[in-house]
C-alpha atoms as a PDB file:
ATOM      1  CA  UNK A   1       0.000   0.000   0.000  1.00  0.00           C
ATOM      2  CA  UNK A   2       1.265   3.486  -0.721  1.00  0.00           C
ATOM      3  CA  UNK A   3       1.637   6.380   1.706  1.00  0.00           C
ATOM      4  CA  UNK A   4      -1.389   8.689   1.909  1.00  0.00           C
ATOM      5  CA  UNK A   5      -0.980  12.435   2.290  1.00  0.00           C
ATOM      6  CA  UNK A   6      -3.227  13.322   5.222  1.00  0.00           C
ATOM      7  CA  UNK A   7      -4.886  16.730   5.508  1.00  0.00           C
ATOM      8  CA  UNK A   8      -7.794  18.156   7.451  1.00  0.00           C
ATOM      9  CA  UNK A   9     -10.168  17.261   4.584  1.00  0.00           C
ATOM     10  CA  UNK A  10      -9.398  13.517   4.507  1.00  0.00           C
ATOM     11  CA  UNK A  11      -8.359  13.019   8.167  1.00  0.00           C
ATOM     12  CA  UNK A  12     -11.778  11.862   9.372  1.00  0.00           C
ATOM     13  CA  UNK A  13     -12.179   9.304   6.583  1.00  0.00           C
ATOM     14  CA  UNK A  14      -8.587   8.028   6.277  1.00  0.00           C
ATOM     15  CA  UNK A  15      -7.568   8.045   9.959  1.00  0.00           C
ATOM     16  CA  UNK A  16     -10.485   8.222  12.381  1.00  0.00           C
ATOM     17  CA  UNK A  17     -12.760   5.911  10.361  1.00  0.00           C
ATOM     18  CA  UNK A  18      -9.987   3.492   9.338  1.00  0.00           C
ATOM     19  CA  UNK A  19     -10.589  -0.216   9.972  1.00  0.00           C
ATOM     20  CA  UNK A  20      -6.807  -0.747  10.072  1.00  0.00           C
ATOM     21  CA  UNK A  21      -4.263   0.778  12.461  1.00  0.00           C
ATOM     22  CA  UNK A  22      -2.794   3.990  10.989  1.00  0.00           C
ATOM     23  CA  UNK A  23       0.854   5.067  11.261  1.00  0.00           C
ATOM     24  CA  UNK A  24       1.029   8.862  10.952  1.00  0.00           C
ATOM     25  CA  UNK A  25       4.315  10.579  10.171  1.00  0.00           C
ATOM     26  CA  UNK A  26       4.296  14.286  11.099  1.00  0.00           C
ATOM     27  CA  UNK A  27       7.082  15.859   9.037  1.00  0.00           C
ATOM     28  CA  UNK A  28       8.251  18.908   7.052  1.00  0.00           C
ATOM     29  CA  UNK A  29      10.392  19.140   3.879  1.00  0.00           C
ATOM     30  CA  UNK A  30      13.077  21.257   5.625  1.00  0.00           C
ATOM     31  CA  UNK A  31      13.536  18.756   8.499  1.00  0.00           C
ATOM     32  CA  UNK A  32      16.727  16.652   8.207  1.00  0.00           C
ATOM     33  CA  UNK A  33      15.679  13.867  10.618  1.00  0.00           C
ATOM     34  CA  UNK A  34      12.317  13.676   8.780  1.00  0.00           C
ATOM     35  CA  UNK A  35      14.179  12.962   5.535  1.00  0.00           C
ATOM     36  CA  UNK A  36      15.972  10.104   7.321  1.00  0.00           C
ATOM     37  CA  UNK A  37      12.651   8.579   8.445  1.00  0.00           C
ATOM     38  CA  UNK A  38      10.810   8.982   5.113  1.00  0.00           C
ATOM     39  CA  UNK A  39      12.369   5.973   3.311  1.00  0.00           C
ATOM     40  CA  UNK A  40      11.709   3.785   6.381  1.00  0.00           C
ATOM     41  CA  UNK A  41       8.062   4.872   6.531  1.00  0.00           C
ATOM     42  CA  UNK A  42       7.704   4.299   2.769  1.00  0.00           C
ATOM     43  CA  UNK A  43       9.211   0.814   3.157  1.00  0.00           C
ATOM     44  CA  UNK A  44       6.802  -0.064   5.983  1.00  0.00           C
ATOM     45  CA  UNK A  45       3.876   1.137   3.838  1.00  0.00           C
ATOM     46  CA  UNK A  46       5.016  -1.110   0.962  1.00  0.00           C
ATOM     47  CA  UNK A  47       5.580  -4.158   3.181  1.00  0.00           C
ATOM     48  CA  UNK A  48       2.589  -4.032   5.517  1.00  0.00           C
ATOM     49  CA  UNK A  49      -0.847  -4.402   3.964  1.00  0.00           C
ATOM     50  CA  UNK A  50      -2.390  -4.745   7.430  1.00  0.00           C
ATOM     51  CA  UNK A  51      -1.826  -1.073   8.309  1.00  0.00           C
ATOM     52  CA  UNK A  52      -2.409   2.296   6.683  1.00  0.00           C
ATOM     53  CA  UNK A  53       0.447   4.818   6.512  1.00  0.00           C
ATOM     54  CA  UNK A  54      -0.147   8.551   6.292  1.00  0.00           C
ATOM     55  CA  UNK A  55       2.112  11.605   6.194  1.00  0.00           C
ATOM     56  CA  UNK A  56       1.127  14.963   7.660  1.00  0.00           C
ATOM     57  CA  UNK A  57       3.133  17.985   6.462  1.00  0.00           C
ATOM     58  CA  UNK A  58       3.094  20.197   9.591  1.00  0.00           C
ATOM     59  CA  UNK A  59       3.705  23.364   7.545  1.00  0.00           C
ATOM     60  CA  UNK A  60       0.589  22.715   5.432  1.00  0.00           C
ATOM     61  CA  UNK A  61      -1.542  21.202   8.234  1.00  0.00           C
ATOM     62  CA  UNK A  62      -0.810  23.188  11.420  1.00  0.00           C
ATOM     63  CA  UNK A  63      -4.285  22.372  12.809  1.00  0.00           C
ATOM     64  CA  UNK A  64      -3.604  18.620  12.722  1.00  0.00           C
ATOM     65  CA  UNK A  65      -0.147  19.093  14.251  1.00  0.00           C
ATOM     66  CA  UNK A  66      -1.711  21.156  17.070  1.00  0.00           C
ATOM     67  CA  UNK A  67      -4.483  18.570  17.560  1.00  0.00           C
ATOM     68  CA  UNK A  68      -1.805  15.948  18.298  1.00  0.00           C
ATOM     69  CA  UNK A  69       0.373  18.293  20.349  1.00  0.00           C
ATOM     70  CA  UNK A  70       3.282  17.938  17.921  1.00  0.00           C
ATOM     71  CA  UNK A  71       6.102  20.140  19.246  1.00  0.00           C
ATOM     72  CA  UNK A  72       9.026  18.622  17.352  1.00  0.00           C
ATOM     73  CA  UNK A  73       9.342  16.527  14.225  1.00  0.00           C
ATOM     74  CA  UNK A  74       9.479  13.859  13.097  1.00  0.00           C
ATOM     75  CA  UNK A  75       6.668  12.639  15.330  1.00  0.00           C
ATOM     76  CA  UNK A  76       5.213   9.206  14.616  1.00  0.00           C
ATOM     77  CA  UNK A  77       1.732   8.393  15.901  1.00  0.00           C
ATOM     78  CA  UNK A  78      -0.121   5.073  15.755  1.00  0.00           C
ATOM     79  CA  UNK A  79      -3.914   5.397  15.672  1.00  0.00           C
ATOM     80  CA  UNK A  80      -6.181   2.445  16.424  1.00  0.00           C
ATOM     81  CA  UNK A  81      -9.947   2.786  16.414  1.00  0.00           C
ATOM     82  CA  UNK A  82      -9.684   6.565  16.091  1.00  0.00           C
ATOM     83  CA  UNK A  83      -7.539   6.874  19.249  1.00  0.00           C
ATOM     84  CA  UNK A  84      -3.809   7.432  19.787  1.00  0.00           C
ATOM     85  CA  UNK A  85      -2.307   4.020  20.660  1.00  0.00           C
ATOM     86  CA  UNK A  86       1.363   5.005  20.559  1.00  0.00           C
ATOM     87  CA  UNK A  87       3.539   8.060  19.889  1.00  0.00           C
ATOM     88  CA  UNK A  88       7.269   8.578  19.367  1.00  0.00           C
ATOM     89  CA  UNK A  89       9.350  11.697  18.656  1.00  0.00           C
ATOM     90  CA  UNK A  90      12.577  11.766  16.659  1.00  0.00           C
ATOM     91  CA  UNK A  91      14.214   9.718  13.940  1.00  0.00           C
ATOM     92  CA  UNK A  92      14.140   6.042  14.886  1.00  0.00           C
ATOM     93  CA  UNK A  93      15.321   2.817  13.257  1.00  0.00           C
ATOM     94  CA  UNK A  94      12.795   0.637  11.442  1.00  0.00           C
ATOM     95  CA  UNK A  95      12.750  -1.927  14.286  1.00  0.00           C
ATOM     96  CA  UNK A  96      11.561   0.697  16.797  1.00  0.00           C
ATOM     97  CA  UNK A  97       8.909   2.019  14.417  1.00  0.00           C
ATOM     98  CA  UNK A  98       7.613  -1.524  13.782  1.00  0.00           C
ATOM     99  CA  UNK A  99       7.566  -2.180  17.538  1.00  0.00           C
ATOM    100  CA  UNK A 100       5.121   0.752  17.924  1.00  0.00           C
ATOM    101  CA  UNK A 101       2.594  -1.061  15.755  1.00  0.00           C
END
């Protein structure tokens, strides 16, 4: 499955109403650690059909970033049943990201 760009217009449908757990990557194009996490997140999206993976550009979606209390990026959030199940800040190796799920 490919990564979905999440915005305030599709958030309800893609994240809150999702039957599958959702891994959200809060990022920005200017963020170095975010660029390190991006290929890992893309790889997880390609490998795991049992989850949905979404990216939230904090510059374009400040309301969503504020809703999740994102103070620094990258922030990874796992949503299950419309609720935050897990959250992690900073660039992490793939093993740690998978362990969140």
